[in-house]
Amino acid sequence: MKRFFCLAVACVLMIITAVPTAFAAAVDVNFIHTGDMSGTIFKDEAKGTVGYGNVLSVKTGIPDAILIDSGNFLCDTSLNSSGLNGKIVSAMNEAGYDFATLGVNDVRYSKSQLDEILAPAEFKIISSNIISASAEKETYIYDQTLVKTLNGVKTGFFAVTDAADTTDFKFKDPLEASKEFASKLRSGGSKIIVAVINTKNPSLAKEIAEQNPNITIIIEGGTGNFSAGGTPIGRTLAVNTGLAGNAVGVTSVKVNGGQLMSFQTSNYNLKNINDTYPETNDLEKKMKKAQEEIDSFNSEAVGRLNMPLSYNEQDLKTKSTPLGNFLAEALRDCAKADFAVIKGSDIKGGLSVEITGNELYSLFDRNDTVEVRKITGANFLKAMEMCVNKIVKNETGEIDYEKSVSDNFLQISGFSFEYNPDYPIGKRIIRLVSDNGTVIKSDSKLYTVAGESEFFNTYNEYFSSAEKVETLTTVIDAVKEYITGKDEIEIYEAERIKPTNEKKSYMWVVWICIGSFLAAVLIAYLAAKIIMIINNR
């Protein structure tokens, strides 16, 4: 009887417990997401970009949604000096973004650059796999997760960026990071788990979903795997809003008692977005004005040269050029260094006599920071040997510049040198002289050298091991500062790296031999005298 009573009580308790779940109302949880906006801050009918004004319209139409960007929201690094990133962050603030992750292109910026750009951001940056490259122990740079209660449902977010390590950032394996943080969010009570990923690998979302079936949604950026209705992968929905800011994504999930019942996703482009979510704000007008300011700056002259500087990729990789001289001179002036070096292969555009902002921002693919390092004369000479180690001659004894192209060839300022291509690699420099006439010797004397941060870390062992003095502004800002306020810049046209048939002088060897012989004779004479004196005693 007692056993029957206990069983009856248990059944009643089960029924009481189950009734709220059975009759609980299903709730909708909404997510708005963008990706790969890449500086497309305003609506453009010709390009099909929706702009942040339309993002805000969607957010206004779905007030309970969380707004997310899946990365690559900043402009190309070369455009950073235009002020566009400041306008992007301001627009994202006004559009009401809750958080974003960094994309493969965003992490081309240095940590210091990102800190400066994102300082005004009112939205969070989350990343579950970006760690510091300089810290001795594993140190995450951004918040690894975000947990919010949406419409009564505890929802957890994590984000991974699938990128190669940089000077400032290391990236934990995105699969391992996804497994770790999906598990932590689930054990922490999140009923819905959202993974935000940025990658160029079109299969990464599938791999993450298959390994982590408790992930509800994967919001993907970087690949262009556009899918208007989303892609179910097991129990996980993968969504992607496409590239170049051409759509705003909306994903809704229906949850009952913590269980996912169904989901629906829509991508709104310019053709249908205003029909569903008419504009209710002035952000679009502000963004259009901001773009007009940038366009005006791009077309205006920001400096003047005494001659045009043409771009020739082969020349920049095989010989000194006026363009290379000018850019290296700008870096040296910015750093107040003894010398400056810049890889010819990093230069991507030329300049007119009247330099426009657009030309300035087209000079480099990567707008790196200017760094200053100290290097000994001995190591500086060895590093410069790397510059000319690919130079070869043709059958007539002349330099074959087409076959001599090298990504290691440098454009320089503050010094010049002559080299003989007939000499063995690593021993070609005849003499290296600073602009003030000082001969750089293979000794321990220290010189300050300015260059791109990434260049110093990758060029060769002599520069990468050199003592870092300071990190300054960006390369393009250094050029801008160099030309600002001057009536006209006079270009140094002569080659600073010059081939020669001159042979190295080995007279020092002769003088050493003669000196050694005379010293030996003198010692022998003195020894004989001493012996004679001793014998006479």
Foldseek 3Di string as FASTA:
>chain_A
DVVVVVVVVVVVVVCVVCVCQVPPDKDKAKEKEEEAQQLVAFADPVVQFHHLLLLLLVCVVVVLYAYEYLENQYHFQLCVVLCSLLVSQVSCVVSPHAEYEYEQRRPLAAPVSCCVSCVPHPHFYEAQWKFFPPDPDTHDPGHQKDWDQGPNAIEIEGEAYPYPADPTIDGDDPLVSLVVVLVVSVVVPHLAYEYRYHDCDPCPVLSNCVVRVSHAEYEYYHHQPADFWFDDRRNHTYHYQGHNNNWMKMKMFIDGPSHTDDITMGTDTPVCSCVSRNRDDCSNVVSVVVVVSSVVQQPAFLFFAPAWFFDDLLCLQFFAFLQLQLLQVLQCVQVVFLKEKEFSNQFQGIAGRRGGNNRLSRGGSHFFWKWKFKAALQLVLQLVLQQQQQWDADPVRHTDSVRSGDRLHIHMPQKFWEFANVDHRSPTTQWIAGPVGHTRDNDGDMTMYMYGPRCQCPNDDRSVPTGTDDIHGTSSVSSSVVRHPDRYHYTDGDIRYHYDPDDHDPVVVVVVVVVVVVVVVVVVVVVVVVVVVVVVD
